[in-house]
């Protein structure tokens, strides 16, 4: 064979090899992982992409409905749009900043994935009792993911980006809107305000230094704005469940965790492409590896990164199951000897003067309390501790609670609902805090009755009572006896308070008198004069 012919044959073989390699590379991105569609989440559309873009696609991309094995409800599709839009933009910008900010944004993405599972369960199941164990089990993964976002902030207080971490940590509480009735959109707005307390510091500090950080916090704000619109459109009065045609919540949760999107098991996903052809024979060197199977083993490029993210989302609380539990003897807040050692060894880094001054000027606000539906319900109790009676956690007990205090005993009533309390004899003072639809019947008191944040409150005084103080009470009815007509009533931020006075004779009915809510203030002679607004007719 002539050298020219041999060279031409080698060029021909090389060209065919390059063409075959190009075809294989085009077909590899279409090989899907069946586990990636377990919860309706799949990879990006099967178009040719550079490897550098694959990691962006792996941060929670949700495939369009026509690519899924089953059509998702509109409420889930719109929630996916938020994840693909605002949440993905926030994650991308967080990775540009990098470090702890990027790590925390990944935890935010997992938290949105957990809330997506919760919403899918609501479309499939009947609503369980919010105090039941299955309801708490449905919320368990979401609570764990939200706690992971906050843990990153708590573990890195010395970080120069601590304000960034705190802004996101305060804002992640927004995912608790699913437990709020009847206006969850207002709760989302409140959480935005909590996040802006720290986010606006980021804007102030970096607006002249690095605009990337300003765009980053604004992308986080955009999540709240989209979520407000989403909640108003689909859940204006709170999360709705499938009470008509729904299945058992336990079964629905099992289906979602196992990757089913309806009560029936889905068939094979149509998004998986055909298996690649066998590799071409090699003319030089060792033989090629066997063909790649399509039973869930994906290439180590874009699909591996993408599947790793969704695998972490689907695992839930198992992500932290391998962590070692710290023994109480090693915790400084439970072991005083460790605190003494820490005080003698100055191992903590010294903060800069700018950090110290900023912390002194702007103290940290209190942590936002959990909604009532997410709190653990404590058992009711009526106990006497020293000179104080404690009545707590009663919810429609079905009978009147009677106590007979001494003249030196004070009574504290808190977190009760639909409860009637009878105080026999003469006590010292009564305080009613955070109660709903409670009634109080007393004989006499030495001091006063103080009512705080207790709507729909009613009270009847049979004997004498010097003072009644109402603070942030919406709707109250007070019945005074003939011996208590000298009672002084103080109100602050109260509405709908009525005082019922006895008639002239024993046979006459009580006469209702409303307490004023509107006050007109005027400047007269350099002083402020206030008068009650009266409406004629």
Protein backbone atom coordinates (compact mmCIF):
# COMPACT_ATOMS: atom_id res chain seq x y z
CA UNK A 1 0.00 0.00 0.00
CA UNK A 2 1.42 3.37 -1.01
CA UNK A 3 2.16 5.98 1.71
CA UNK A 4 -0.34 8.41 0.10
CA UNK A 5 -3.17 5.82 0.20
CA UNK A 6 -2.33 4.90 3.83
CA UNK A 7 -2.44 8.57 4.84
CA UNK A 8 -5.81 9.08 3.10
CA UNK A 9 -7.28 6.01 4.87
CA UNK A 10 -6.06 7.25 8.27
CA UNK A 11 -7.68 10.65 7.67
CA UNK A 12 -10.95 8.94 6.71
CA UNK A 13 -10.98 6.77 9.85
CA UNK A 14 -10.12 9.80 12.02
CA UNK A 15 -13.00 11.80 10.55
CA UNK A 16 -15.47 8.96 11.22
CA UNK A 17 -14.24 8.69 14.80
CA UNK A 18 -14.72 12.43 15.38
CA UNK A 19 -18.23 12.27 13.91
CA UNK A 20 -19.17 9.32 16.14
CA UNK A 21 -17.70 11.05 19.21
CA UNK A 22 -19.73 14.18 18.45
CA UNK A 23 -22.94 12.13 18.22
CA UNK A 24 -22.25 10.43 21.55
CA UNK A 25 -21.58 13.75 23.25
CA UNK A 26 -24.87 15.13 21.91
CA UNK A 27 -26.80 12.13 23.26
CA UNK A 28 -25.24 11.98 26.76
CA UNK A 29 -27.17 15.02 28.24
CA UNK A 30 -30.48 13.30 27.31
CA UNK A 31 -29.77 10.31 29.56
CA UNK A 32 -31.92 11.06 32.63
CA UNK A 33 -31.94 9.66 36.11
CA UNK A 34 -35.35 8.21 37.03
CA UNK A 35 -34.88 9.40 40.60
CA UNK A 36 -34.63 12.99 39.39
CA UNK A 37 -38.34 13.03 38.50
CA UNK A 38 -39.43 11.46 41.74
CA UNK A 39 -41.08 14.63 42.95
CA UNK A 40 -41.82 16.24 39.61
CA UNK A 41 -38.39 17.87 39.52
CA UNK A 42 -36.26 17.08 36.46
CA UNK A 43 -33.25 18.35 34.63
CA UNK A 44 -33.21 21.10 32.07
CA UNK A 45 -34.48 20.55 28.51
CA UNK A 46 -32.35 18.21 26.46
CA UNK A 47 -30.49 20.71 24.41
CA UNK A 48 -26.74 20.90 23.95
CA UNK A 49 -25.12 22.94 26.71
CA UNK A 50 -21.57 23.60 27.80
CA UNK A 51 -20.51 21.91 31.02
CA UNK A 52 -20.02 25.30 32.68
CA UNK A 53 -23.79 25.90 32.49
CA UNK A 54 -24.73 22.54 33.96
CA UNK A 55 -24.28 23.61 37.58
CA UNK A 56 -26.71 26.50 37.03
CA UNK A 57 -29.29 24.05 35.72
CA UNK A 58 -28.76 21.85 38.81
CA UNK A 59 -29.99 24.44 41.30
CA UNK A 60 -33.64 23.46 41.33
CA UNK A 61 -34.64 23.69 37.69
CA UNK A 62 -38.19 22.46 37.20
CA UNK A 63 -39.13 20.96 33.87
CA UNK A 64 -42.12 22.30 32.01
CA UNK A 65 -45.36 20.36 32.45
CA UNK A 66 -45.36 18.85 28.98
CA UNK A 67 -42.12 17.02 29.79
CA UNK A 68 -43.44 15.39 32.97
CA UNK A 69 -45.03 11.99 33.21
CA UNK A 70 -48.13 13.59 34.76
CA UNK A 71 -49.60 17.08 34.72
CA UNK A 72 -49.09 18.87 38.03
CA UNK A 73 -51.82 21.05 39.60
CA UNK A 74 -51.63 24.76 38.67
CA UNK A 75 -50.69 25.69 42.24
CA UNK A 76 -47.60 23.49 42.04
CA UNK A 77 -46.68 24.72 38.56
CA UNK A 78 -46.82 28.33 39.75
CA UNK A 79 -44.70 27.45 42.80
CA UNK A 80 -42.20 25.77 40.48
CA UNK A 81 -42.11 29.01 38.49
CA UNK A 82 -40.99 30.85 41.65
CA UNK A 83 -38.26 28.26 42.26
CA UNK A 84 -37.09 28.42 38.63
CA UNK A 85 -37.32 32.20 38.57
CA UNK A 86 -36.64 34.25 41.68
CA UNK A 87 -35.14 31.50 43.85
CA UNK A 88 -32.80 30.34 41.10
CA UNK A 89 -31.69 33.92 40.44
CA UNK A 90 -30.97 34.38 44.15
CA UNK A 91 -28.94 31.14 44.26
CA UNK A 92 -26.96 32.14 41.15
CA UNK A 93 -26.07 35.54 42.62
CA UNK A 94 -25.18 33.90 45.95
CA UNK A 95 -22.68 31.67 44.19
CA UNK A 96 -21.10 34.75 42.62
CA UNK A 97 -20.42 36.03 46.14
CA UNK A 98 -19.43 32.53 47.24
CA UNK A 99 -18.46 31.17 50.65
CA UNK A 100 -21.06 31.02 53.39
CA UNK A 101 -23.56 33.02 51.33
CA UNK A 102 -23.56 30.35 48.63
CA UNK A 103 -23.81 27.59 51.24
CA UNK A 104 -26.80 29.24 52.88
CA UNK A 105 -28.54 29.80 49.54
CA UNK A 106 -28.31 26.06 48.87
CA UNK A 107 -30.09 25.48 52.19
CA UNK A 108 -32.76 27.99 51.11
CA UNK A 109 -33.28 26.00 47.90
CA UNK A 110 -33.71 22.79 49.90
CA UNK A 111 -36.24 24.52 52.16
CA UNK A 112 -38.30 25.57 49.13
CA UNK A 113 -38.13 21.98 47.90
CA UNK A 114 -39.49 20.77 51.26
CA UNK A 115 -42.35 23.28 51.10
CA UNK A 116 -43.11 22.10 47.57
CA UNK A 117 -43.58 18.58 48.95
CA UNK A 118 -45.94 19.94 51.59
CA UNK A 119 -48.06 21.69 48.94
CA UNK A 120 -48.21 18.51 46.85
CA UNK A 121 -49.51 16.65 49.91
CA UNK A 122 -52.27 19.25 50.36
CA UNK A 123 -53.46 18.66 46.80
CA UNK A 124 -53.71 14.91 47.41
CA UNK A 125 -54.90 14.49 51.01
CA UNK A 126 -57.66 15.53 53.35
CA UNK A 127 -56.67 18.03 56.01
CA UNK A 128 -55.47 16.36 59.23
CA UNK A 129 -55.85 17.78 62.71
CA UNK A 130 -53.12 20.39 63.20
CA UNK A 131 -52.37 18.89 66.63
CA UNK A 132 -52.00 15.36 65.22
CA UNK A 133 -48.69 13.60 64.80
CA UNK A 134 -49.15 13.15 61.03
CA UNK A 135 -49.49 16.92 60.55
CA UNK A 136 -46.26 17.49 62.45
CA UNK A 137 -44.63 14.72 60.42
CA UNK A 138 -45.62 16.48 57.18
CA UNK A 139 -44.07 19.69 58.52
CA UNK A 140 -40.98 17.96 59.93
CA UNK A 141 -38.79 18.18 56.83
CA UNK A 142 -39.66 21.83 56.22
CA UNK A 143 -38.86 22.75 59.82
CA UNK A 144 -35.54 20.91 59.56
CA UNK A 145 -34.56 22.74 56.36
CA UNK A 146 -35.55 26.13 57.79
CA UNK A 147 -33.48 25.35 60.89
CA UNK A 148 -30.48 24.50 58.69
CA UNK A 149 -30.59 28.01 57.19
CA UNK A 150 -30.54 29.54 60.67
CA UNK A 151 -27.78 27.18 61.88
CA UNK A 152 -25.39 28.53 59.23
CA UNK A 153 -25.92 32.03 60.62
CA UNK A 154 -25.49 30.94 64.25
CA UNK A 155 -22.31 29.00 63.53
CA UNK A 156 -20.60 31.93 61.76
CA UNK A 157 -21.22 35.01 63.89
CA UNK A 158 -17.63 36.16 63.41
CA UNK A 159 -17.98 36.15 59.62
CA UNK A 160 -17.60 39.51 57.82
CA UNK A 161 -20.78 38.58 55.93
CA UNK A 162 -22.79 37.99 59.12
CA UNK A 163 -25.30 40.68 58.11
CA UNK A 164 -25.94 38.83 54.83
CA UNK A 165 -26.51 35.56 56.68
CA UNK A 166 -28.84 37.22 59.20
CA UNK A 167 -30.97 38.85 56.50
CA UNK A 168 -31.59 35.46 54.89
CA UNK A 169 -32.04 33.72 58.26
CA UNK A 170 -34.72 36.20 59.30
CA UNK A 171 -36.43 35.94 55.93
CA UNK A 172 -36.59 32.13 55.73
CA UNK A 173 -39.39 32.23 58.31
CA UNK A 174 -41.59 33.28 55.38
CA UNK A 175 -42.03 29.60 54.51
CA UNK A 176 -44.21 29.31 57.60
CA UNK A 177 -47.06 31.05 55.72
CA UNK A 178 -48.56 27.61 55.06
CA UNK A 179 -49.66 27.47 58.73
CA UNK A 180 -51.24 30.95 58.82
CA UNK A 181 -54.99 31.53 58.64
CA UNK A 182 -56.81 33.50 57.39
CA UNK A 183 -54.42 36.01 55.71
CA UNK A 184 -51.08 34.36 54.97
CA UNK A 185 -50.09 37.12 52.53
CA UNK A 186 -49.86 39.58 55.43
CA UNK A 187 -47.46 37.21 57.20
CA UNK A 188 -45.23 37.12 54.10
CA UNK A 189 -45.13 40.93 54.13
CA UNK A 190 -44.15 40.95 57.82
CA UNK A 191 -41.30 38.53 57.17
CA UNK A 192 -40.06 40.78 54.36
CA UNK A 193 -39.90 43.67 56.83
CA UNK A 194 -37.86 41.54 59.26
CA UNK A 195 -35.41 40.64 56.50
CA UNK A 196 -35.15 44.25 55.32
CA UNK A 197 -33.99 45.32 58.79
CA UNK A 198 -30.66 43.62 58.01
CA UNK A 199 -30.82 43.64 54.21
CA UNK A 200 -30.94 47.44 54.11
CA UNK A 201 -27.68 47.48 56.07
CA UNK A 202 -26.13 45.47 53.26
CA UNK A 203 -27.38 48.04 50.75
CA UNK A 204 -26.03 50.92 52.83
CA UNK A 205 -22.63 49.31 53.27
CA UNK A 206 -22.07 48.06 49.71
CA UNK A 207 -23.89 50.55 47.47
CA UNK A 208 -20.66 52.46 46.88
CA UNK A 209 -18.29 49.51 47.43
CA UNK A 210 -19.66 46.55 45.46
CA UNK A 211 -22.99 46.71 43.63
CA UNK A 212 -23.03 42.91 43.37
CA UNK A 213 -24.11 42.68 47.03
CA UNK A 214 -26.91 45.20 46.47
CA UNK A 215 -28.23 43.20 43.53
CA UNK A 216 -27.95 40.05 45.66
CA UNK A 217 -30.18 41.34 48.47
CA UNK A 218 -32.67 42.76 45.97
CA UNK A 219 -32.92 39.32 44.36
CA UNK A 220 -33.81 37.94 47.80
CA UNK A 221 -36.50 40.61 48.20
CA UNK A 222 -37.97 39.59 44.83
CA UNK A 223 -38.72 36.12 46.27
CA UNK A 224 -41.04 37.71 48.83
CA UNK A 225 -42.80 39.84 46.22
CA UNK A 226 -43.47 36.83 44.00
CA UNK A 227 -44.58 34.78 46.99
CA UNK A 228 -47.07 37.46 48.06
CA UNK A 229 -48.65 37.41 44.60
CA UNK A 230 -48.68 33.59 44.59
CA UNK A 231 -50.35 33.36 48.01
CA UNK A 232 -52.98 35.97 47.15
CA UNK A 233 -53.82 34.13 43.94
CA UNK A 234 -54.03 30.56 45.24
CA UNK A 235 -54.29 30.71 49.05
CA UNK A 236 -55.92 34.02 49.90
CA UNK A 237 -57.52 32.66 53.08
CA UNK A 238 -54.95 29.98 53.94
CA UNK A 239 -53.76 26.65 52.59
CA UNK A 240 -56.58 24.48 51.21
CA UNK A 241 -56.63 20.69 51.29
CA UNK A 242 -58.38 18.13 49.10
CA UNK A 243 -61.16 17.40 51.59
CA UNK A 244 -63.64 16.13 48.97
CA UNK A 245 -61.64 13.58 47.00
CA UNK A 246 -58.47 13.43 49.08
CA UNK A 247 -56.77 10.35 50.44
CA UNK A 248 -55.35 9.69 53.89
CA UNK A 249 -52.56 12.20 54.79
CA UNK A 250 -50.20 9.38 55.80
CA UNK A 251 -50.63 7.69 52.43
CA UNK A 252 -50.22 10.98 50.57
CA UNK A 253 -47.00 11.73 52.43
CA UNK A 254 -45.68 8.26 51.60
CA UNK A 255 -46.50 8.76 47.92
CA UNK A 256 -44.72 12.11 47.79
CA UNK A 257 -41.68 10.76 49.61
CA UNK A 258 -41.54 7.75 47.26
CA UNK A 259 -41.73 10.00 44.20
CA UNK A 260 -45.34 9.60 43.04
CA UNK A 261 -47.24 12.68 41.89
CA UNK A 262 -50.74 11.20 42.13
CA UNK A 263 -52.54 8.38 43.90
CA UNK A 264 -51.52 6.07 41.07
CA UNK A 265 -47.98 5.01 40.43
CA UNK A 266 -46.57 6.84 37.41
CA UNK A 267 -45.26 4.92 34.45
CA UNK A 268 -41.75 5.18 33.11
CA UNK A 269 -40.71 8.76 32.47
CA UNK A 270 -40.87 9.78 28.87
CA UNK A 271 -38.08 12.29 29.42
CA UNK A 272 -35.40 9.58 29.44
CA UNK A 273 -33.70 9.35 26.09
CA UNK A 274 -32.77 6.16 24.24
CA UNK A 275 -29.62 4.36 25.37
CA UNK A 276 -26.46 5.38 23.56
CA UNK A 277 -25.13 3.11 20.81
CA UNK A 278 -22.21 0.81 21.63
CA UNK A 279 -18.80 2.45 21.32
CA UNK A 280 -16.95 2.19 18.05
CA UNK A 281 -13.96 -0.17 17.93
CA UNK A 282 -10.65 1.38 18.73
CA UNK A 283 -7.80 0.92 16.27
CA UNK A 284 -5.09 1.80 18.77
CA UNK A 285 -4.72 1.36 22.51
CA UNK A 286 -6.81 -0.68 24.98
CA UNK A 287 -10.49 -1.48 24.32
CA UNK A 288 -13.09 1.11 25.46
CA UNK A 289 -15.22 0.61 28.64
CA UNK A 290 -18.60 -1.16 28.32
CA UNK A 291 -21.71 0.91 27.43
CA UNK A 292 -23.13 3.07 30.20
CA UNK A 293 -26.34 1.58 31.70
CA UNK A 294 -29.46 3.77 31.92
CA UNK A 295 -30.75 2.48 35.26
CA UNK A 296 -29.99 5.63 37.25
CA UNK A 297 -26.18 5.87 36.70
CA UNK A 298 -25.55 9.21 35.04
CA UNK A 299 -22.42 10.82 33.59
CA UNK A 300 -20.21 12.86 35.86
CA UNK A 301 -20.91 16.14 34.10
CA UNK A 302 -24.16 18.12 34.27
CA UNK A 303 -26.48 15.27 35.26
CA UNK A 304 -24.37 14.16 38.25
CA UNK A 305 -24.38 17.65 39.77
CA UNK A 306 -28.10 18.01 39.12
CA UNK A 307 -29.04 14.66 40.59
CA UNK A 308 -26.91 15.27 43.66
CA UNK A 309 -28.92 18.39 44.47
CA UNK A 310 -32.30 16.68 44.09
CA UNK A 311 -31.07 13.65 46.00
CA UNK A 312 -30.25 15.93 48.93
CA UNK A 313 -33.72 17.49 48.70
CA UNK A 314 -35.47 14.13 48.71
CA UNK A 315 -33.44 12.80 51.65
CA UNK A 316 -34.85 15.42 54.03
CA UNK A 317 -33.62 15.21 57.60
CA UNK A 318 -31.36 12.23 56.76
CA UNK A 319 -28.77 14.75 55.53
CA UNK A 320 -27.82 15.54 59.15
CA UNK A 321 -28.40 12.05 60.55
CA UNK A 322 -24.67 11.25 60.50
CA UNK A 323 -23.76 14.22 62.69
CA UNK A 324 -22.59 13.42 66.21
CA UNK A 325 -24.83 14.62 69.05
CA UNK A 326 -22.91 16.83 71.48
CA UNK A 327 -22.91 15.51 75.03
CA UNK A 328 -24.34 17.97 77.62
CA UNK A 329 -21.03 17.87 79.49
CA UNK A 330 -19.36 19.44 76.44
CA UNK A 331 -21.89 22.28 76.06
CA UNK A 332 -20.80 25.58 77.60
CA UNK A 333 -24.35 26.71 78.40
CA UNK A 334 -24.91 23.54 80.49
CA UNK A 335 -21.43 23.15 82.01
CA UNK A 336 -20.29 26.16 84.12
CA UNK A 337 -16.71 24.84 84.31
CA UNK A 338 -16.33 25.17 80.53
CA UNK A 339 -17.48 28.79 80.67
CA UNK A 340 -14.80 29.50 83.26
CA UNK A 341 -12.16 27.93 81.02
CA UNK A 342 -13.35 29.97 78.03
CA UNK A 343 -13.10 33.16 80.09
CA UNK A 344 -9.47 32.42 81.01
CA UNK A 345 -8.40 31.57 77.43
CA UNK A 346 -9.07 34.44 74.99
CA UNK A 347 -9.38 32.27 71.89
CA UNK A 348 -12.13 34.20 70.15
CA UNK A 349 -11.04 36.56 67.37
CA UNK A 350 -11.01 40.25 68.22
CA UNK A 351 -13.69 42.18 66.38
CA UNK A 352 -12.83 45.31 64.52
CA UNK A 353 -13.88 48.70 65.84
CA UNK A 354 -16.36 49.13 62.99
CA UNK A 355 -18.12 45.87 63.90
CA UNK A 356 -18.23 46.80 67.58
CA UNK A 357 -19.62 50.24 66.91
CA UNK A 358 -22.27 48.99 64.51
CA UNK A 359 -23.41 46.32 67.00
CA UNK A 360 -23.64 48.97 69.74
CA UNK A 361 -25.71 51.35 67.60
CA UNK A 362 -28.16 48.76 66.29
CA UNK A 363 -29.08 46.07 68.83
CA UNK A 364 -30.40 42.80 67.48
CA UNK A 365 -34.21 42.53 67.57
CA UNK A 366 -35.93 39.61 69.25
CA UNK A 367 -36.42 36.40 67.30
CA UNK A 368 -39.74 36.17 65.54
CA UNK A 369 -42.05 33.75 67.40
CA UNK A 370 -43.41 30.68 65.68
CA UNK A 371 -47.06 30.65 64.61
CA UNK A 372 -49.41 29.08 67.14
CA UNK A 373 -50.10 26.10 64.85
CA UNK A 374 -46.38 25.18 64.80
CA UNK A 375 -45.87 25.37 68.57
CA UNK A 376 -45.94 22.30 70.77
CA UNK A 377 -49.14 22.27 72.82
CA UNK A 378 -48.46 22.10 76.56
CA UNK A 379 -50.77 20.35 79.03
CA UNK A 380 -53.24 22.53 81.00
CA UNK A 381 -52.50 23.18 84.65
CA UNK A 382 -53.84 25.00 87.73
CA UNK A 383 -51.19 25.29 90.42
CA UNK A 384 -50.30 27.46 93.39
CA UNK A 385 -46.62 28.44 93.44
CA UNK A 386 -45.83 30.50 96.50
CA UNK A 387 -48.34 33.37 96.52
CA UNK A 388 -49.23 33.06 92.83
CA UNK A 389 -51.91 30.94 91.16
CA UNK A 390 -50.98 29.77 87.63
CA UNK A 391 -53.81 28.86 85.21
CA UNK A 392 -52.44 27.94 81.76
CA UNK A 393 -53.11 26.16 78.47
CA UNK A 394 -56.83 25.41 78.86
CA UNK A 395 -58.80 25.08 75.63
CA UNK A 396 -62.56 24.70 76.06
CA UNK A 397 -62.39 22.48 79.17
CA UNK A 398 -66.19 22.10 79.25
CA UNK A 399 -66.58 23.14 82.89
CA UNK A 400 -66.03 26.18 85.08
CA UNK A 401 -62.62 26.41 86.76
CA UNK A 402 -63.03 27.47 90.39
CA UNK A 403 -60.27 28.69 92.70
CA UNK A 404 -60.45 30.07 96.25
CA UNK A 405 -57.42 32.34 96.76
CA UNK A 406 -56.22 33.97 99.94
CA UNK A 407 -56.16 37.75 100.22
CA UNK A 408 -52.40 37.76 99.52
CA UNK A 409 -52.62 35.54 96.42
CA UNK A 410 -52.33 36.91 92.88
CA UNK A 411 -53.68 35.00 89.87
CA UNK A 412 -51.95 34.71 86.48
CA UNK A 413 -54.09 33.36 83.60
CA UNK A 414 -52.32 32.80 80.25
CA UNK A 415 -52.78 31.00 76.91
CA UNK A 416 -56.33 29.87 77.58
CA UNK A 417 -59.23 29.74 75.11
CA UNK A 418 -62.98 29.41 75.61
CA UNK A 419 -62.53 29.06 79.36
CA UNK A 420 -64.69 30.33 82.26
CA UNK A 421 -62.91 31.00 85.56
CA UNK A 422 -64.67 31.65 88.88
CA UNK A 423 -62.68 33.37 91.65
CA UNK A 424 -64.32 32.80 95.03
CA UNK A 425 -63.62 35.11 97.94
CA UNK A 426 -61.23 38.06 97.95
CA UNK A 427 -57.85 37.85 96.22
CA UNK A 428 -55.10 40.36 95.60
CA UNK A 429 -54.84 40.85 91.81
CA UNK A 430 -55.58 39.07 88.52
CA UNK A 431 -53.60 39.22 85.28
CA UNK A 432 -55.06 37.79 82.03
CA UNK A 433 -52.54 37.49 79.17
CA UNK A 434 -52.91 36.11 75.60
CA UNK A 435 -56.29 34.46 76.13
CA UNK A 436 -59.19 34.17 73.69
CA UNK A 437 -62.92 34.12 74.47
CA UNK A 438 -62.37 33.79 78.20
CA UNK A 439 -64.85 34.75 80.93
CA UNK A 440 -63.99 35.82 84.45
CA UNK A 441 -66.39 35.98 87.42
CA UNK A 442 -64.96 37.44 90.64
CA UNK A 443 -66.24 38.37 94.09
CA UNK A 444 -63.77 41.07 95.18
CA UNK A 445 -60.13 42.06 94.73
CA UNK A 446 -57.72 44.20 96.73
CA UNK A 447 -55.88 45.62 93.71
CA UNK A 448 -56.82 45.34 90.02
CA UNK A 449 -57.61 43.18 87.01
CA UNK A 450 -55.06 43.57 84.18
CA UNK A 451 -56.08 42.21 80.74
CA UNK A 452 -53.49 42.11 77.91
CA UNK A 453 -53.99 40.95 74.30
CA UNK A 454 -57.12 38.95 75.08
CA UNK A 455 -59.89 39.42 72.50
CA UNK A 456 -63.57 38.68 73.19
CA UNK A 457 -63.13 38.98 76.94
CA UNK A 458 -65.99 39.09 79.46
CA UNK A 459 -65.96 39.79 83.20
CA UNK A 460 -68.55 40.09 85.96
CA UNK A 461 -67.79 41.75 89.31
CA UNK A 462 -70.07 40.69 92.17
CA UNK A 463 -68.33 42.64 94.96
CA UNK A 464 -65.79 45.47 94.91
CA UNK A 465 -62.95 46.10 92.47
CA UNK A 466 -60.79 49.26 92.52
CA UNK A 467 -59.27 49.16 89.02
CA UNK A 468 -59.60 47.48 85.62
CA UNK A 469 -56.76 47.91 83.06
CA UNK A 470 -57.24 46.83 79.43
CA UNK A 471 -54.36 46.79 76.94
CA UNK A 472 -54.81 45.75 73.27
CA UNK A 473 -58.20 44.15 73.84
CA UNK A 474 -60.53 43.75 70.87
CA UNK A 475 -64.07 43.22 72.14
CA UNK A 476 -64.85 43.13 75.86
CA UNK A 477 -67.97 43.08 78.02
CA UNK A 478 -67.71 44.18 81.67
CA UNK A 479 -70.61 43.74 84.13
CA UNK A 480 -70.35 45.76 87.32
CA UNK A 481 -72.39 45.24 90.48
CA UNK A 482 -73.85 47.91 92.74
CA UNK A 483 -70.82 47.67 95.05
CA UNK A 484 -68.35 48.19 92.17
CA UNK A 485 -69.75 51.35 90.55
CA UNK A 486 -66.67 53.24 91.74
CA UNK A 487 -64.33 51.08 89.65
CA UNK A 488 -61.82 52.97 87.51
CA UNK A 489 -61.25 51.59 83.98
CA UNK A 490 -58.06 52.32 82.00
CA UNK A 491 -57.89 51.37 78.30
CA UNK A 492 -55.05 51.43 75.77
CA UNK A 493 -55.35 50.41 72.09
CA UNK A 494 -58.74 48.82 72.77
CA UNK A 495 -61.85 48.53 70.61
CA UNK A 496 -65.39 47.37 71.21
CA UNK A 497 -65.35 47.66 75.02
CA UNK A 498 -68.78 47.92 76.68
CA UNK A 499 -69.56 48.42 80.38
CA UNK A 500 -72.88 47.10 81.68
CA UNK A 501 -74.30 48.93 84.68
CA UNK A 502 -77.10 47.66 86.94
CA UNK A 503 -80.54 49.25 86.67
CA UNK A 504 -82.15 51.52 89.21
CA UNK A 505 -83.97 48.61 90.84
CA UNK A 506 -83.30 44.90 91.17
CA UNK A 507 -85.92 44.10 88.55
CA UNK A 508 -84.47 46.34 85.84
CA UNK A 509 -82.04 45.00 83.27
CA UNK A 510 -78.41 46.01 82.91
CA UNK A 511 -77.75 49.18 80.89
CA UNK A 512 -74.91 48.97 78.35
CA UNK A 513 -72.52 51.90 78.04
CA UNK A 514 -69.69 51.84 75.40
CA UNK A 515 -66.25 53.20 76.22
CA UNK A 516 -64.97 55.85 73.75
CA UNK A 517 -62.54 54.86 71.02
CA UNK A 518 -62.12 58.15 69.14
CA UNK A 519 -60.44 61.19 70.69
CA UNK A 520 -60.11 64.67 69.18
CA UNK A 521 -57.05 66.71 70.19
CA UNK A 522 -56.68 70.47 69.74
CA UNK A 523 -54.10 73.14 70.59
CA UNK A 524 -55.51 75.80 72.92
CA UNK A 525 -53.33 78.39 74.58
CA UNK A 526 -50.16 76.45 73.81
CA UNK A 527 -51.42 73.20 75.36
CA UNK A 528 -53.01 70.07 73.91
CA UNK A 529 -56.65 69.58 74.82
CA UNK A 530 -58.34 66.25 74.05
CA UNK A 531 -62.05 65.59 73.85
CA UNK A 532 -64.13 62.52 73.19
CA UNK A 533 -65.67 62.41 69.73
CA UNK A 534 -69.44 62.12 69.98
CA UNK A 535 -71.69 61.06 67.11
CA UNK A 536 -75.21 62.44 67.12
CA UNK A 537 -78.08 60.14 66.20
